[in-house]
Amino acid sequence: MKRLDLIKRLGEEGAVFVRHGASHDMWRNVITGRSDMIPRHREIDEMLARKIIRRLSAPPESQEPSSK
């Protein structure tokens, strides 16, 4: 996966850039408070990208049961 595509997806999930590291950037999801490091490569392995997305994604909103 292209790094820019991953960053775009993380932004849609509520993640924001925090800081630069030596070879990685730190991103944090403001909704969940979780953070993760994103490598600064043009291409990121698909499995790693999915893992990062899963960690930084906001949980789906639970549906409230209908009152009877």
C-alpha atoms as a PDB file:
ATOM      1  CA  MET A   1       0.000   0.000   0.000  1.00  0.00           C
ATOM      2  CA  LYS A   2       1.246   3.480  -0.771  1.00  0.00           C
ATOM      3  CA  ARG A   3       2.162   5.490   2.320  1.00  0.00           C
ATOM      4  CA  LEU A   4       0.023   8.442   1.213  1.00  0.00           C
ATOM      5  CA  ASP A   5      -3.013   6.160   0.831  1.00  0.00           C
ATOM      6  CA  LEU A   6      -2.448   4.828   4.350  1.00  0.00           C
ATOM      7  CA  ILE A   7      -2.167   8.349   5.776  1.00  0.00           C
ATOM      8  CA  LYS A   8      -5.357   9.398   3.984  1.00  0.00           C
ATOM      9  CA  ARG A   9      -7.194   6.383   5.410  1.00  0.00           C
ATOM     10  CA  LEU A  10      -5.907   7.076   8.924  1.00  0.00           C
ATOM     11  CA  GLY A  11      -7.118  10.673   8.666  1.00  0.00           C
ATOM     12  CA  GLU A  12     -10.573   9.415   7.735  1.00  0.00           C
ATOM     13  CA  GLU A  13     -10.512   7.188  10.833  1.00  0.00           C
ATOM     14  CA  GLY A  14      -9.761  10.125  13.145  1.00  0.00           C
ATOM     15  CA  ALA A  15      -5.979   9.771  13.456  1.00  0.00           C
ATOM     16  CA  VAL A  16      -3.711  12.818  13.538  1.00  0.00           C
ATOM     17  CA  PHE A  17       0.021  13.293  13.078  1.00  0.00           C
ATOM     18  CA  VAL A  18       1.891  13.703  16.394  1.00  0.00           C
ATOM     19  CA  ARG A  19       5.633  13.864  15.660  1.00  0.00           C
ATOM     20  CA  HIS A  20       8.495  12.728  13.444  1.00  0.00           C
ATOM     21  CA  GLY A  21      10.915  10.059  14.598  1.00  0.00           C
ATOM     22  CA  ALA A  22      14.193   8.930  13.047  1.00  0.00           C
ATOM     23  CA  SER A  23      12.593   6.681  10.440  1.00  0.00           C
ATOM     24  CA  HIS A  24       8.938   6.574  11.550  1.00  0.00           C
ATOM     25  CA  ASP A  25       6.163   9.075  12.227  1.00  0.00           C
ATOM     26  CA  MET A  26       3.888   8.852  15.253  1.00  0.00           C
ATOM     27  CA  TRP A  27       0.133   9.040  14.689  1.00  0.00           C
ATOM     28  CA  ARG A  28      -2.614   9.053  17.328  1.00  0.00           C
ATOM     29  CA  ASN A  29      -6.338   8.473  17.105  1.00  0.00           C
ATOM     30  CA  VAL A  30      -7.987  11.318  19.020  1.00  0.00           C
ATOM     31  CA  ILE A  31     -11.153   9.286  19.553  1.00  0.00           C
ATOM     32  CA  THR A  32      -9.585   6.180  21.101  1.00  0.00           C
ATOM     33  CA  GLY A  33      -6.288   7.632  22.346  1.00  0.00           C
ATOM     34  CA  ARG A  34      -4.301   4.839  20.686  1.00  0.00           C
ATOM     35  CA  SER A  35      -1.054   5.673  18.937  1.00  0.00           C
ATOM     36  CA  ASP A  36       1.228   3.858  16.505  1.00  0.00           C
ATOM     37  CA  MET A  37       4.371   4.427  14.494  1.00  0.00           C
ATOM     38  CA  ILE A  38       4.120   4.629  10.688  1.00  0.00           C
ATOM     39  CA  PRO A  39       7.283   3.811   8.695  1.00  0.00           C
ATOM     40  CA  ARG A  40       8.478   6.478   6.279  1.00  0.00           C
ATOM     41  CA  HIS A  41       8.686   4.226   3.201  1.00  0.00           C
ATOM     42  CA  ARG A  42       6.901   4.891  -0.081  1.00  0.00           C
ATOM     43  CA  GLU A  43       5.429   1.395  -0.016  1.00  0.00           C
ATOM     44  CA  ILE A  44       4.193  -0.267   3.176  1.00  0.00           C
ATOM     45  CA  ASP A  45       3.542  -3.998   3.317  1.00  0.00           C
ATOM     46  CA  GLU A  46      -0.189  -4.769   3.047  1.00  0.00           C
ATOM     47  CA  MET A  47      -0.275  -6.831   6.241  1.00  0.00           C
ATOM     48  CA  LEU A  48       1.487  -4.086   8.199  1.00  0.00           C
ATOM     49  CA  ALA A  49      -0.837  -1.445   6.752  1.00  0.00           C
ATOM     50  CA  ARG A  50      -3.906  -3.456   7.772  1.00  0.00           C
ATOM     51  CA  LYS A  51      -2.491  -3.910  11.266  1.00  0.00           C
ATOM     52  CA  ILE A  52      -1.863  -0.161  11.609  1.00  0.00           C
ATOM     53  CA  ILE A  53      -5.350   0.669  10.327  1.00  0.00           C
ATOM     54  CA  ARG A  54      -6.902  -1.812  12.739  1.00  0.00           C
ATOM     55  CA  ARG A  55      -4.964  -0.323  15.683  1.00  0.00           C
ATOM     56  CA  LEU A  56      -5.742   3.310  14.835  1.00  0.00           C
ATOM     57  CA  SER A  57      -9.337   2.906  13.680  1.00  0.00           C
ATOM     58  CA  ALA A  58     -12.177   4.150  15.804  1.00  0.00           C
ATOM     59  CA  PRO A  59     -14.435   1.347  17.019  1.00  0.00           C
ATOM     60  CA  PRO A  60     -17.760   1.181  15.202  1.00  0.00           C
ATOM     61  CA  GLU A  61     -20.532   3.001  17.009  1.00  0.00           C
ATOM     62  CA  SER A  62     -22.700   0.551  18.880  1.00  0.00           C
ATOM     63  CA  GLN A  63     -26.309   0.585  17.912  1.00  0.00           C
ATOM     64  CA  GLU A  64     -28.628   1.325  20.768  1.00  0.00           C
ATOM     65  CA  PRO A  65     -31.408  -1.225  21.253  1.00  0.00           C
ATOM     66  CA  SER A  66     -34.832   0.095  20.412  1.00  0.00           C
ATOM     67  CA  SER A  67     -37.044   0.747  23.440  1.00  0.00           C
ATOM     68  CA  LYS A  68     -40.405  -0.967  23.464  1.00  0.00           C
END
